[in-house]
């Protein structure tokens, strides 16, 4: 099980991982930060990038914040970081 800090930037032009931000993975999302749209987009984006089910991704902290803590079941933190940051 991986526990990951993520910094989300809503209202971006495209969905993509842009690097690290203070130890957290910085992700730009096209969705707006209203009514949980950015959280839903983050779930879809991570599931697609990591090639896993959305059910394996749990938002533990940061429902209404740009800084979030995500738990990903079935993967190690090293695997998640290498998949997300490896293409940079």
Protein backbone atom coordinates (compact mmCIF):
# COMPACT_ATOMS: atom_id res chain seq x y z
CA UNK A 1 0.00 0.00 0.00
CA UNK A 2 1.39 3.38 -1.04
CA UNK A 3 0.64 6.63 0.75
CA UNK A 4 1.38 9.59 -1.45
CA UNK A 5 1.31 13.37 -1.07
CA UNK A 6 -0.10 15.18 -4.10
CA UNK A 7 -0.31 18.90 -4.93
CA UNK A 8 -3.14 19.56 -7.40
CA UNK A 9 -3.35 22.58 -9.72
CA UNK A 10 -6.92 22.85 -11.08
CA UNK A 11 -8.04 24.70 -14.24
CA UNK A 12 -4.94 23.73 -16.24
CA UNK A 13 -4.85 23.38 -20.02
CA UNK A 14 -4.06 19.65 -19.90
CA UNK A 15 -3.93 16.84 -17.34
CA UNK A 16 -0.32 15.97 -16.55
CA UNK A 17 2.28 15.34 -13.89
CA UNK A 18 4.68 18.28 -13.85
CA UNK A 19 7.19 17.23 -11.18
CA UNK A 20 7.55 17.59 -7.45
CA UNK A 21 6.43 20.37 -5.12
CA UNK A 22 7.88 20.23 -1.60
CA UNK A 23 8.04 16.43 -1.53
CA UNK A 24 4.60 16.04 -3.08
CA UNK A 25 3.90 15.07 -6.69
CA UNK A 26 2.51 18.09 -8.56
CA UNK A 27 -0.35 17.29 -10.94
CA UNK A 28 -2.16 19.74 -13.22
CA UNK A 29 -5.81 18.95 -13.95
CA UNK A 30 -8.28 20.49 -16.40
CA UNK A 31 -11.17 20.17 -13.94
CA UNK A 32 -12.36 23.05 -11.81
CA UNK A 33 -12.01 22.97 -8.05
CA UNK A 34 -15.76 23.04 -7.40
CA UNK A 35 -18.17 20.37 -6.16
CA UNK A 36 -15.51 17.66 -6.10
CA UNK A 37 -14.79 17.85 -9.84
CA UNK A 38 -11.02 18.10 -9.33
CA UNK A 39 -11.04 15.17 -6.88
CA UNK A 40 -12.97 13.02 -9.37
CA UNK A 41 -10.60 14.05 -12.16
CA UNK A 42 -7.62 13.18 -9.95
CA UNK A 43 -9.04 9.68 -9.34
CA UNK A 44 -9.54 9.12 -13.09
CA UNK A 45 -6.13 10.54 -13.99
CA UNK A 46 -4.24 8.44 -11.43
CA UNK A 47 -6.12 5.26 -12.36
CA UNK A 48 -5.30 5.84 -16.03
CA UNK A 49 -1.63 6.71 -15.44
CA UNK A 50 -1.04 3.81 -13.04
CA UNK A 51 -3.22 1.36 -15.00
CA UNK A 52 -5.22 0.36 -11.91
CA UNK A 53 -8.86 0.44 -10.81
CA UNK A 54 -10.29 3.67 -9.37
CA UNK A 55 -11.36 1.64 -6.34
CA UNK A 56 -7.69 1.17 -5.40
CA UNK A 57 -7.28 4.95 -5.00
CA UNK A 58 -8.51 6.49 -1.75
CA UNK A 59 -8.38 10.18 -0.87
CA UNK A 60 -7.42 10.17 2.83
CA UNK A 61 -6.87 13.90 3.49
CA UNK A 62 -7.42 17.13 1.62
CA UNK A 63 -10.98 16.95 0.27
CA UNK A 64 -11.04 20.75 -0.06
CA UNK A 65 -7.32 21.47 -0.35
CA UNK A 66 -4.80 21.47 -3.16
CA UNK A 67 -2.51 19.39 -0.95
CA UNK A 68 -3.86 15.87 -0.65
CA UNK A 69 -2.85 12.52 0.80
CA UNK A 70 -3.75 9.60 -1.46
CA UNK A 71 -3.63 5.91 -0.52
CA UNK A 72 -3.12 3.47 -3.36
CA UNK A 73 -3.77 -0.18 -2.56
CA UNK A 74 -1.75 -2.89 -4.27
CA UNK A 75 1.31 -0.77 -5.13
CA UNK A 76 4.40 0.45 -3.31
CA UNK A 77 5.26 4.14 -3.06
CA UNK A 78 8.40 3.55 -5.16
CA UNK A 79 6.32 1.99 -7.97
CA UNK A 80 3.83 4.85 -7.95
CA UNK A 81 6.55 7.54 -7.98
CA UNK A 82 8.50 5.83 -10.76
CA UNK A 83 5.38 5.46 -12.94
CA UNK A 84 4.23 9.04 -12.41
CA UNK A 85 7.60 10.81 -12.44
CA UNK A 86 9.47 8.43 -14.74
CA UNK A 87 8.15 10.00 -17.95
CA UNK A 88 9.41 13.49 -17.03
